Amino acid sequence: MAWVLLLAAGVVEIIMAMALKAAQGWTRPLPGAIGVAAALLSIYLLTRALQVLPAGTAYAVWTGIGALGVTVLGIVLHGDSASLPRLGCIALIAAGIAGLRVLEG
């Protein structure tokens, strides 16, 4: 169950980042409010996962999921760079997340 909570925390972290991007420097209140609410929910879910998982593993996976999701959405929605070196680095993050999951069971 802890891994499910951690996955959910990572997905909500992606929502937070995308909402804060849409808030355009706090000039748009609704996306800003969604971003803050998502941040609080993400931290809550992470805290629940930390009751079972090691802190280093949970934090690395949480931030890694967020980084992967925000990067992919940035490429798809905002035209961010999809250069081969950048994608290679993102693949390394994905491999690290998978490795931590396998090692921690």
PDB file of N, CA and C in Angstrom:
ATOM      1  N   MET A   1       0.823  -1.203   0.000  1.00  0.00           N
ATOM      2  CA  MET A   1       0.000   0.000   0.000  1.00  0.00           C
ATOM      3  C   MET A   1       0.864   1.262   0.000  1.00  0.00           C
ATOM      4  N   ALA A   2       2.017   1.187   0.655  1.00  0.00           N
ATOM      5  CA  ALA A   2       2.896   2.358   0.724  1.00  0.00           C
ATOM      6  C   ALA A   2       3.354   2.778  -0.669  1.00  0.00           C
ATOM      7  N   TRP A   3       3.616   1.801  -1.528  1.00  0.00           N
ATOM      8  CA  TRP A   3       4.059   2.140  -2.885  1.00  0.00           C
ATOM      9  C   TRP A   3       2.930   2.780  -3.690  1.00  0.00           C
ATOM     10  N   VAL A   4       1.703   2.359  -3.462  1.00  0.00           N
ATOM     11  CA  VAL A   4       0.553   2.973  -4.136  1.00  0.00           C
ATOM     12  C   VAL A   4       0.412   4.425  -3.685  1.00  0.00           C
ATOM     13  N   LEU A   5       0.548   4.652  -2.374  1.00  0.00           N
ATOM     14  CA  LEU A   5       0.483   6.020  -1.860  1.00  0.00           C
ATOM     15  C   LEU A   5       1.605   6.878  -2.439  1.00  0.00           C
ATOM     16  N   LEU A   6       2.790   6.286  -2.550  1.00  0.00           N
ATOM     17  CA  LEU A   6       3.921   7.022  -3.097  1.00  0.00           C
ATOM     18  C   LEU A   6       3.704   7.356  -4.573  1.00  0.00           C
ATOM     19  N   LEU A   7       3.178   6.422  -5.329  1.00  0.00           N
ATOM     20  CA  LEU A   7       2.857   6.683  -6.737  1.00  0.00           C
ATOM     21  C   LEU A   7       1.824   7.799  -6.845  1.00  0.00           C
ATOM     22  N   ALA A   8       0.801   7.732  -6.014  1.00  0.00           N
ATOM     23  CA  ALA A   8      -0.226   8.779  -6.024  1.00  0.00           C
ATOM     24  C   ALA A   8       0.378  10.130  -5.661  1.00  0.00           C
ATOM     25  N   ALA A   9       1.271  10.138  -4.674  1.00  0.00           N
ATOM     26  CA  ALA A   9       1.934  11.385  -4.282  1.00  0.00           C
ATOM     27  C   ALA A   9       2.724  11.968  -5.445  1.00  0.00           C
ATOM     28  N   GLY A  10       3.398  11.105  -6.203  1.00  0.00           N
ATOM     29  CA  GLY A  10       4.154  11.573  -7.362  1.00  0.00           C
ATOM     30  C   GLY A  10       3.258  12.135  -8.447  1.00  0.00           C
ATOM     31  N   VAL A  11       2.138  11.483  -8.697  1.00  0.00           N
ATOM     32  CA  VAL A  11       1.200  11.967  -9.714  1.00  0.00           C
ATOM     33  C   VAL A  11       0.614  13.318  -9.292  1.00  0.00           C
ATOM     34  N   VAL A  12       0.278  13.452  -8.030  1.00  0.00           N
ATOM     35  CA  VAL A  12      -0.260  14.722  -7.544  1.00  0.00           C
ATOM     36  C   VAL A  12       0.812  15.816  -7.610  1.00  0.00           C
ATOM     37  N   GLU A  13       2.065  15.417  -7.423  1.00  0.00           N
ATOM     38  CA  GLU A  13       3.179  16.370  -7.553  1.00  0.00           C
ATOM     39  C   GLU A  13       3.254  16.921  -8.985  1.00  0.00           C
ATOM     40  N   ILE A  14       2.982  16.069  -9.961  1.00  0.00           N
ATOM     41  CA  ILE A  14       2.947  16.504 -11.361  1.00  0.00           C
ATOM     42  C   ILE A  14       1.823  17.526 -11.560  1.00  0.00           C
ATOM     43  N   ILE A  15       0.662  17.237 -10.993  1.00  0.00           N
ATOM     44  CA  ILE A  15      -0.463  18.169 -11.083  1.00  0.00           C
ATOM     45  C   ILE A  15      -0.084  19.509 -10.469  1.00  0.00           C
ATOM     46  N   MET A  16       0.589  19.455  -9.316  1.00  0.00           N
ATOM     47  CA  MET A  16       1.010  20.688  -8.656  1.00  0.00           C
ATOM     48  C   MET A  16       1.901  21.529  -9.572  1.00  0.00           C
ATOM     49  N   ALA A  17       2.906  20.895 -10.135  1.00  0.00           N
ATOM     50  CA  ALA A  17       3.847  21.646 -10.969  1.00  0.00           C
ATOM     51  C   ALA A  17       3.181  22.229 -12.204  1.00  0.00           C
ATOM     52  N   MET A  18       2.314  21.457 -12.833  1.00  0.00           N
ATOM     53  CA  MET A  18       1.647  21.955 -14.031  1.00  0.00           C
ATOM     54  C   MET A  18       0.661  23.081 -13.688  1.00  0.00           C
ATOM     55  N   ALA A  19       0.002  22.977 -12.548  1.00  0.00           N
ATOM     56  CA  ALA A  19      -0.913  24.039 -12.123  1.00  0.00           C
ATOM     57  C   ALA A  19      -0.141  25.317 -11.818  1.00  0.00           C
ATOM     58  N   LEU A  20       1.006  25.177 -11.162  1.00  0.00           N
ATOM     59  CA  LEU A  20       1.799  26.369 -10.855  1.00  0.00           C
ATOM     60  C   LEU A  20       2.365  26.998 -12.133  1.00  0.00           C
ATOM     61  N   LYS A  21       2.683  26.190 -13.116  1.00  0.00           N
ATOM     62  CA  LYS A  21       3.105  26.730 -14.417  1.00  0.00           C
ATOM     63  C   LYS A  21       1.951  27.530 -15.028  1.00  0.00           C
ATOM     64  N   ALA A  22       0.746  26.964 -14.943  1.00  0.00           N
ATOM     65  CA  ALA A  22      -0.433  27.637 -15.501  1.00  0.00           C
ATOM     66  C   ALA A  22      -0.806  28.898 -14.720  1.00  0.00           C
ATOM     67  N   ALA A  23      -0.362  28.995 -13.476  1.00  0.00           N
ATOM     68  CA  ALA A  23      -0.667  30.174 -12.655  1.00  0.00           C
ATOM     69  C   ALA A  23       0.079  31.412 -13.144  1.00  0.00           C
ATOM     70  N   GLN A  24       1.059  31.232 -13.994  1.00  0.00           N
ATOM     71  CA  GLN A  24       1.804  32.338 -14.614  1.00  0.00           C
ATOM     72  C   GLN A  24       2.263  33.368 -13.582  1.00  0.00           C
ATOM     73  N   GLY A  25       3.069  32.864 -12.630  1.00  0.00           N
ATOM     74  CA  GLY A  25       3.619  33.780 -11.634  1.00  0.00           C
ATOM     75  C   GLY A  25       2.582  34.339 -10.686  1.00  0.00           C
ATOM     76  N   TRP A  26       1.587  33.547 -10.346  1.00  0.00           N
ATOM     77  CA  TRP A  26       0.512  33.912  -9.420  1.00  0.00           C
ATOM     78  C   TRP A  26      -0.420  34.980  -9.995  1.00  0.00           C
ATOM     79  N   THR A  27      -0.422  35.165 -11.318  1.00  0.00           N
ATOM     80  CA  THR A  27      -1.351  36.117 -11.928  1.00  0.00           C
ATOM     81  C   THR A  27      -2.706  35.475 -12.222  1.00  0.00           C
ATOM     82  N   ARG A  28      -2.776  34.156 -12.143  1.00  0.00           N
ATOM     83  CA  ARG A  28      -4.032  33.436 -12.347  1.00  0.00           C
ATOM     84  C   ARG A  28      -4.349  32.661 -11.060  1.00  0.00           C
ATOM     85  N   PRO A  29      -5.297  33.147 -10.271  1.00  0.00           N
ATOM     86  CA  PRO A  29      -5.535  32.588  -8.939  1.00  0.00           C
ATOM     87  C   PRO A  29      -5.997  31.122  -8.916  1.00  0.00           C
ATOM     88  N   LEU A  30      -6.858  30.717  -9.832  1.00  0.00           N
ATOM     89  CA  LEU A  30      -7.385  29.350  -9.770  1.00  0.00           C
ATOM     90  C   LEU A  30      -6.294  28.303  -9.957  1.00  0.00           C
ATOM     91  N   PRO A  31      -5.479  28.392 -11.017  1.00  0.00           N
ATOM     92  CA  PRO A  31      -4.396  27.400 -11.117  1.00  0.00           C
ATOM     93  C   PRO A  31      -3.436  27.463  -9.930  1.00  0.00           C
ATOM     94  N   GLY A  32      -3.204  28.662  -9.404  1.00  0.00           N
ATOM     95  CA  GLY A  32      -2.346  28.788  -8.229  1.00  0.00           C
ATOM     96  C   GLY A  32      -2.920  28.058  -7.027  1.00  0.00           C
ATOM     97  N   ALA A  33      -4.211  28.215  -6.813  1.00  0.00           N
ATOM     98  CA  ALA A  33      -4.876  27.537  -5.695  1.00  0.00           C
ATOM     99  C   ALA A  33      -4.855  26.019  -5.886  1.00  0.00           C
ATOM    100  N   ILE A  34      -5.063  25.576  -7.114  1.00  0.00           N
ATOM    101  CA  ILE A  34      -4.996  24.138  -7.405  1.00  0.00           C
ATOM    102  C   ILE A  34      -3.579  23.632  -7.121  1.00  0.00           C
ATOM    103  N   GLY A  35      -2.582  24.404  -7.508  1.00  0.00           N
ATOM    104  CA  GLY A  35      -1.200  24.016  -7.260  1.00  0.00           C
ATOM    105  C   GLY A  35      -0.890  23.883  -5.780  1.00  0.00           C
ATOM    106  N   VAL A  36      -1.346  24.823  -4.985  1.00  0.00           N
ATOM    107  CA  VAL A  36      -1.113  24.771  -3.536  1.00  0.00           C
ATOM    108  C   VAL A  36      -1.848  23.577  -2.921  1.00  0.00           C
ATOM    109  N   ALA A  37      -3.089  23.364  -3.318  1.00  0.00           N
ATOM    110  CA  ALA A  37      -3.861  22.226  -2.796  1.00  0.00           C
ATOM    111  C   ALA A  37      -3.194  20.904  -3.189  1.00  0.00           C
ATOM    112  N   ALA A  38      -2.727  20.825  -4.427  1.00  0.00           N
ATOM    113  CA  ALA A  38      -2.051  19.602  -4.874  1.00  0.00           C
ATOM    114  C   ALA A  38      -0.755  19.388  -4.098  1.00  0.00           C
ATOM    115  N   ALA A  39      -0.031  20.454  -3.811  1.00  0.00           N
ATOM    116  CA  ALA A  39       1.205  20.332  -3.037  1.00  0.00           C
ATOM    117  C   ALA A  39       0.914  19.759  -1.653  1.00  0.00           C
ATOM    118  N   LEU A  40      -0.121  20.274  -1.014  1.00  0.00           N
ATOM    119  CA  LEU A  40      -0.480  19.773   0.315  1.00  0.00           C
ATOM    120  C   LEU A  40      -0.895  18.300   0.271  1.00  0.00           C
ATOM    121  N   LEU A  41      -1.686  17.941  -0.731  1.00  0.00           N
ATOM    122  CA  LEU A  41      -2.106  16.549  -0.865  1.00  0.00           C
ATOM    123  C   LEU A  41      -0.908  15.648  -1.154  1.00  0.00           C
ATOM    124  N   SER A  42      -0.013  16.086  -2.004  1.00  0.00           N
ATOM    125  CA  SER A  42       1.165  15.305  -2.339  1.00  0.00           C
ATOM    126  C   SER A  42       2.030  15.052  -1.106  1.00  0.00           C
ATOM    127  N   ILE A  43       2.231  16.086  -0.302  1.00  0.00           N
ATOM    128  CA  ILE A  43       3.026  15.935   0.917  1.00  0.00           C
ATOM    129  C   ILE A  43       2.322  15.014   1.912  1.00  0.00           C
ATOM    130  N   TYR A  44       1.020  15.116   2.003  1.00  0.00           N
ATOM    131  CA  TYR A  44       0.263  14.220   2.878  1.00  0.00           C
ATOM    132  C   TYR A  44       0.467  12.761   2.456  1.00  0.00           C
ATOM    133  N   LEU A  45       0.319  12.495   1.162  1.00  0.00           N
ATOM    134  CA  LEU A  45       0.480  11.126   0.666  1.00  0.00           C
ATOM    135  C   LEU A  45       1.913  10.630   0.868  1.00  0.00           C
ATOM    136  N   LEU A  46       2.880  11.499   0.635  1.00  0.00           N
ATOM    137  CA  LEU A  46       4.277  11.130   0.871  1.00  0.00           C
ATOM    138  C   LEU A  46       4.488  10.793   2.351  1.00  0.00           C
ATOM    139  N   THR A  47       3.932  11.581   3.225  1.00  0.00           N
ATOM    140  CA  THR A  47       4.073  11.342   4.660  1.00  0.00           C
ATOM    141  C   THR A  47       3.507   9.987   5.058  1.00  0.00           C
ATOM    142  N   ARG A  48       2.379   9.636   4.469  1.00  0.00           N
ATOM    143  CA  ARG A  48       1.788   8.315   4.751  1.00  0.00           C
ATOM    144  C   ARG A  48       2.697   7.203   4.258  1.00  0.00           C
ATOM    145  N   ALA A  49       3.271   7.362   3.069  1.00  0.00           N
ATOM    146  CA  ALA A  49       4.186   6.341   2.536  1.00  0.00           C
ATOM    147  C   ALA A  49       5.438   6.216   3.394  1.00  0.00           C
ATOM    148  N   LEU A  50       5.882   7.337   3.964  1.00  0.00           N
ATOM    149  CA  LEU A  50       7.082   7.335   4.796  1.00  0.00           C
ATOM    150  C   LEU A  50       6.906   6.544   6.095  1.00  0.00           C
ATOM    151  N   GLN A  51       5.686   6.226   6.452  1.00  0.00           N
ATOM    152  CA  GLN A  51       5.459   5.404   7.632  1.00  0.00           C
ATOM    153  C   GLN A  51       6.003   3.991   7.438  1.00  0.00           C
ATOM    154  N   VAL A  52       6.155   3.580   6.180  1.00  0.00           N
ATOM    155  CA  VAL A  52       6.597   2.219   5.866  1.00  0.00           C
ATOM    156  C   VAL A  52       7.936   2.211   5.127  1.00  0.00           C
ATOM    157  N   LEU A  53       8.087   3.110   4.173  1.00  0.00           N
ATOM    158  CA  LEU A  53       9.272   3.096   3.307  1.00  0.00           C
ATOM    159  C   LEU A  53      10.409   3.918   3.890  1.00  0.00           C
ATOM    160  N   PRO A  54      11.654   3.561   3.552  1.00  0.00           N
ATOM    161  CA  PRO A  54      12.789   4.382   3.967  1.00  0.00           C
ATOM    162  C   PRO A  54      12.676   5.787   3.366  1.00  0.00           C
ATOM    163  N   ALA A  55      13.070   6.786   4.129  1.00  0.00           N
ATOM    164  CA  ALA A  55      12.914   8.180   3.698  1.00  0.00           C
ATOM    165  C   ALA A  55      13.661   8.459   2.397  1.00  0.00           C
ATOM    166  N   GLY A  56      14.882   8.000   2.279  1.00  0.00           N
ATOM    167  CA  GLY A  56      15.661   8.266   1.071  1.00  0.00           C
ATOM    168  C   GLY A  56      15.030   7.670  -0.173  1.00  0.00           C
ATOM    169  N   THR A  57      14.562   6.446  -0.052  1.00  0.00           N
ATOM    170  CA  THR A  57      13.906   5.777  -1.183  1.00  0.00           C
ATOM    171  C   THR A  57      12.627   6.498  -1.560  1.00  0.00           C
ATOM    172  N   ALA A  58      11.795   6.775  -0.569  1.00  0.00           N
ATOM    173  CA  ALA A  58      10.512   7.420  -0.847  1.00  0.00           C
ATOM    174  C   ALA A  58      10.708   8.788  -1.470  1.00  0.00           C
ATOM    175  N   TYR A  59      11.642   9.560  -0.927  1.00  0.00           N
ATOM    176  CA  TYR A  59      11.852  10.905  -1.452  1.00  0.00           C
ATOM    177  C   TYR A  59      12.402  10.866  -2.874  1.00  0.00           C
ATOM    178  N   ALA A  60      13.339   9.964  -3.128  1.00  0.00           N
ATOM    179  CA  ALA A  60      13.903   9.843  -4.477  1.00  0.00           C
ATOM    180  C   ALA A  60      12.842   9.435  -5.491  1.00  0.00           C
ATOM    181  N   VAL A  61      11.997   8.498  -5.119  1.00  0.00           N
ATOM    182  CA  VAL A  61      10.940   8.045  -6.030  1.00  0.00           C
ATOM    183  C   VAL A  61       9.910   9.151  -6.233  1.00  0.00           C
ATOM    184  N   TRP A  62       9.525   9.828  -5.170  1.00  0.00           N
ATOM    185  CA  TRP A  62       8.539  10.918  -5.243  1.00  0.00           C
ATOM    186  C   TRP A  62       9.015  12.025  -6.177  1.00  0.00           C
ATOM    187  N   THR A  63      10.235  12.482  -5.968  1.00  0.00           N
ATOM    188  CA  THR A  63      10.748  13.549  -6.827  1.00  0.00           C
ATOM    189  C   THR A  63      11.000  13.045  -8.242  1.00  0.00           C
ATOM    190  N   GLY A  64      11.408  11.784  -8.367  1.00  0.00           N
ATOM    191  CA  GLY A  64      11.651  11.218  -9.694  1.00  0.00           C
ATOM    192  C   GLY A  64      10.375  11.119 -10.522  1.00  0.00           C
ATOM    193  N   ILE A  65       9.302  10.650  -9.892  1.00  0.00           N
ATOM    194  CA  ILE A  65       8.009  10.586 -10.597  1.00  0.00           C
ATOM    195  C   ILE A  65       7.597  11.979 -11.038  1.00  0.00           C
ATOM    196  N   GLY A  66       7.734  12.939 -10.147  1.00  0.00           N
ATOM    197  CA  GLY A  66       7.395  14.320 -10.495  1.00  0.00           C
ATOM    198  C   GLY A  66       8.233  14.839 -11.652  1.00  0.00           C
ATOM    199  N   ALA A  67       9.536  14.592 -11.586  1.00  0.00           N
ATOM    200  CA  ALA A  67      10.433  15.060 -12.652  1.00  0.00           C
ATOM    201  C   ALA A  67      10.087  14.416 -13.987  1.00  0.00           C
ATOM    202  N   LEU A  68       9.841  13.123 -13.977  1.00  0.00           N
ATOM    203  CA  LEU A  68       9.476  12.429 -15.223  1.00  0.00           C
ATOM    204  C   LEU A  68       8.184  12.984 -15.806  1.00  0.00           C
ATOM    205  N   GLY A  69       7.168  13.066 -14.976  1.00  0.00           N
ATOM    206  CA  GLY A  69       5.864  13.523 -15.461  1.00  0.00           C
ATOM    207  C   GLY A  69       5.875  14.950 -15.958  1.00  0.00           C
ATOM    208  N   VAL A  70       6.523  15.825 -15.204  1.00  0.00           N
ATOM    209  CA  VAL A  70       6.565  17.238 -15.612  1.00  0.00           C
ATOM    210  C   VAL A  70       7.390  17.398 -16.885  1.00  0.00           C
ATOM    211  N   THR A  71       8.452  16.630 -17.007  1.00  0.00           N
ATOM    212  CA  THR A  71       9.263  16.709 -18.226  1.00  0.00           C
ATOM    213  C   THR A  71       8.469  16.251 -19.444  1.00  0.00           C
ATOM    214  N   VAL A  72       7.796  15.121 -19.323  1.00  0.00           N
ATOM    215  CA  VAL A  72       7.003  14.607 -20.453  1.00  0.00           C
ATOM    216  C   VAL A  72       5.886  15.579 -20.814  1.00  0.00           C
ATOM    217  N   LEU A  73       5.172  16.081 -19.817  1.00  0.00           N
ATOM    218  CA  LEU A  73       4.101  17.041 -20.106  1.00  0.00           C
ATOM    219  C   LEU A  73       4.654  18.347 -20.666  1.00  0.00           C
ATOM    220  N   GLY A  74       5.822  18.754 -20.210  1.00  0.00           N
ATOM    221  CA  GLY A  74       6.458  19.950 -20.769  1.00  0.00           C
ATOM    222  C   GLY A  74       6.771  19.781 -22.244  1.00  0.00           C
ATOM    223  N   ILE A  75       7.232  18.595 -22.601  1.00  0.00           N
ATOM    224  CA  ILE A  75       7.527  18.308 -24.011  1.00  0.00           C
ATOM    225  C   ILE A  75       6.238  18.299 -24.824  1.00  0.00           C
ATOM    226  N   VAL A  76       5.226  17.605 -24.316  1.00  0.00           N
ATOM    227  CA  VAL A  76       3.972  17.433 -25.056  1.00  0.00           C
ATOM    228  C   VAL A  76       3.150  18.724 -25.118  1.00  0.00           C
ATOM    229  N   LEU A  77       3.032  19.406 -23.980  1.00  0.00           N
ATOM    230  CA  LEU A  77       2.124  20.555 -23.912  1.00  0.00           C
ATOM    231  C   LEU A  77       2.784  21.915 -24.169  1.00  0.00           C
ATOM    232  N   HIS A  78       4.064  22.027 -23.869  1.00  0.00           N
ATOM    233  CA  HIS A  78       4.703  23.337 -23.927  1.00  0.00           C
ATOM    234  C   HIS A  78       5.863  23.421 -24.920  1.00  0.00           C
ATOM    235  N   GLY A  79       6.100  22.343 -25.656  1.00  0.00           N
ATOM    236  CA  GLY A  79       7.156  22.370 -26.657  1.00  0.00           C
ATOM    237  C   GLY A  79       8.564  22.402 -26.070  1.00  0.00           C
ATOM    238  N   ASP A  80       8.730  21.913 -24.834  1.00  0.00           N
ATOM    239  CA  ASP A  80      10.062  21.854 -24.243  1.00  0.00           C
ATOM    240  C   ASP A  80      10.951  20.930 -25.077  1.00  0.00           C
ATOM    241  N   SER A  81      12.234  21.096 -24.921  1.00  0.00           N
ATOM    242  CA  SER A  81      13.204  20.315 -25.694  1.00  0.00           C
ATOM    243  C   SER A  81      13.031  18.817 -25.460  1.00  0.00           C
ATOM    244  N   ALA A  82      13.091  18.075 -26.550  1.00  0.00           N
ATOM    245  CA  ALA A  82      13.068  16.614 -26.495  1.00  0.00           C
ATOM    246  C   ALA A  82      14.367  16.073 -27.080  1.00  0.00           C
ATOM    247  N   SER A  83      15.461  16.752 -26.791  1.00  0.00           N
ATOM    248  CA  SER A  83      16.755  16.330 -27.329  1.00  0.00           C
ATOM    249  C   SER A  83      17.132  14.956 -26.784  1.00  0.00           C
ATOM    250  N   LEU A  84      17.934  14.251 -27.546  1.00  0.00           N
ATOM    251  CA  LEU A  84      18.350  12.913 -27.150  1.00  0.00           C
ATOM    252  C   LEU A  84      19.089  12.907 -25.808  1.00  0.00           C
ATOM    253  N   PRO A  85      20.029  13.821 -25.573  1.00  0.00           N
ATOM    254  CA  PRO A  85      20.682  13.817 -24.255  1.00  0.00           C
ATOM    255  C   PRO A  85      19.696  14.054 -23.098  1.00  0.00           C
ATOM    256  N   ARG A  86      18.745  14.935 -23.297  1.00  0.00           N
ATOM    257  CA  ARG A  86      17.750  15.204 -22.256  1.00  0.00           C
ATOM    258  C   ARG A  86      16.899  13.969 -22.001  1.00  0.00           C
ATOM    259  N   LEU A  87      16.435  13.330 -23.059  1.00  0.00           N
ATOM    260  CA  LEU A  87      15.641  12.114 -22.902  1.00  0.00           C
ATOM    261  C   LEU A  87      16.458  10.998 -22.261  1.00  0.00           C
ATOM    262  N   GLY A  88      17.743  10.949 -22.586  1.00  0.00           N
ATOM    263  CA  GLY A  88      18.618   9.958 -21.964  1.00  0.00           C
ATOM    264  C   GLY A  88      18.727  10.163 -20.464  1.00  0.00           C
ATOM    265  N   CYS A  89      18.850  11.400 -20.047  1.00  0.00           N
ATOM    266  CA  CYS A  89      18.912  11.699 -18.608  1.00  0.00           C
ATOM    267  C   CYS A  89      17.605  11.349 -17.918  1.00  0.00           C
ATOM    268  N   ILE A  90      16.500  11.638 -18.572  1.00  0.00           N
ATOM    269  CA  ILE A  90      15.197  11.285 -18.008  1.00  0.00           C
ATOM    270  C   ILE A  90      15.057   9.764 -17.911  1.00  0.00           C
ATOM    271  N   ALA A  91      15.579   9.048 -18.901  1.00  0.00           N
ATOM    272  CA  ALA A  91      15.551   7.581 -18.853  1.00  0.00           C
ATOM    273  C   ALA A  91      16.363   7.064 -17.664  1.00  0.00           C
ATOM    274  N   LEU A  92      17.454   7.735 -17.345  1.00  0.00           N
ATOM    275  CA  LEU A  92      18.240   7.336 -16.170  1.00  0.00           C
ATOM    276  C   LEU A  92      17.438   7.518 -14.880  1.00  0.00           C
ATOM    277  N   ILE A  93      16.655   8.582 -14.806  1.00  0.00           N
ATOM    278  CA  ILE A  93      15.805   8.784 -13.628  1.00  0.00           C
ATOM    279  C   ILE A  93      14.778   7.646 -13.544  1.00  0.00           C
ATOM    280  N   ALA A  94      14.162   7.314 -14.679  1.00  0.00           N
ATOM    281  CA  ALA A  94      13.184   6.218 -14.693  1.00  0.00           C
ATOM    282  C   ALA A  94      13.832   4.910 -14.259  1.00  0.00           C
ATOM    283  N   ALA A  95      15.038   4.651 -14.731  1.00  0.00           N
ATOM    284  CA  ALA A  95      15.747   3.432 -14.336  1.00  0.00           C
ATOM    285  C   ALA A  95      16.048   3.442 -12.840  1.00  0.00           C
ATOM    286  N   GLY A  96      16.391   4.594 -12.307  1.00  0.00           N
ATOM    287  CA  GLY A  96      16.650   4.708 -10.877  1.00  0.00           C
ATOM    288  C   GLY A  96      15.409   4.428 -10.048  1.00  0.00           C
ATOM    289  N   ILE A  97      14.273   4.951 -10.487  1.00  0.00           N
ATOM    290  CA  ILE A  97      13.013   4.696  -9.779  1.00  0.00           C
ATOM    291  C   ILE A  97      12.697   3.201  -9.803  1.00  0.00           C
ATOM    292  N   ALA A  98      12.818   2.596 -10.972  1.00  0.00           N
ATOM    293  CA  ALA A  98      12.543   1.161 -11.095  1.00  0.00           C
ATOM    294  C   ALA A  98      13.506   0.359 -10.219  1.00  0.00           C
ATOM    295  N   GLY A  99      14.760   0.750 -10.223  1.00  0.00           N
ATOM    296  CA  GLY A  99      15.742   0.053  -9.401  1.00  0.00           C
ATOM    297  C   GLY A  99      15.428   0.147  -7.925  1.00  0.00           C
ATOM    298  N   LEU A 100      15.042   1.305  -7.457  1.00  0.00           N
ATOM    299  CA  LEU A 100      14.688   1.470  -6.052  1.00  0.00           C
ATOM    300  C   LEU A 100      13.468   0.616  -5.700  1.00  0.00           C
ATOM    301  N   ARG A 101      12.521   0.552  -6.597  1.00  0.00           N
ATOM    302  CA  ARG A 101      11.319  -0.259  -6.355  1.00  0.00           C
ATOM    303  C   ARG A 101      11.696  -1.727  -6.225  1.00  0.00           C
ATOM    304  N   VAL A 102      12.545  -2.202  -7.099  1.00  0.00           N
ATOM    305  CA  VAL A 102      12.969  -3.605  -7.058  1.00  0.00           C
ATOM    306  C   VAL A 102      13.766  -3.891  -5.788  1.00  0.00           C
ATOM    307  N   LEU A 103      14.676  -3.007  -5.429  1.00  0.00           N
ATOM    308  CA  LEU A 103      15.510  -3.225  -4.260  1.00  0.00           C
ATOM    309  C   LEU A 103      14.731  -3.166  -2.949  1.00  0.00           C
ATOM    310  N   GLU A 104      13.725  -2.290  -2.889  1.00  0.00           N
ATOM    311  CA  GLU A 104      12.953  -2.145  -1.655  1.00  0.00           C
ATOM    312  C   GLU A 104      11.781  -3.107  -1.577  1.00  0.00           C
ATOM    313  N   GLY A 105      11.441  -3.709  -2.738  1.00  0.00           N
ATOM    314  CA  GLY A 105      10.336  -4.692  -2.741  1.00  0.00           C
ATOM    315  C   GLY A 105       9.097  -4.083  -2.393  1.00  0.00           C
TER     316      GLY A 105
END
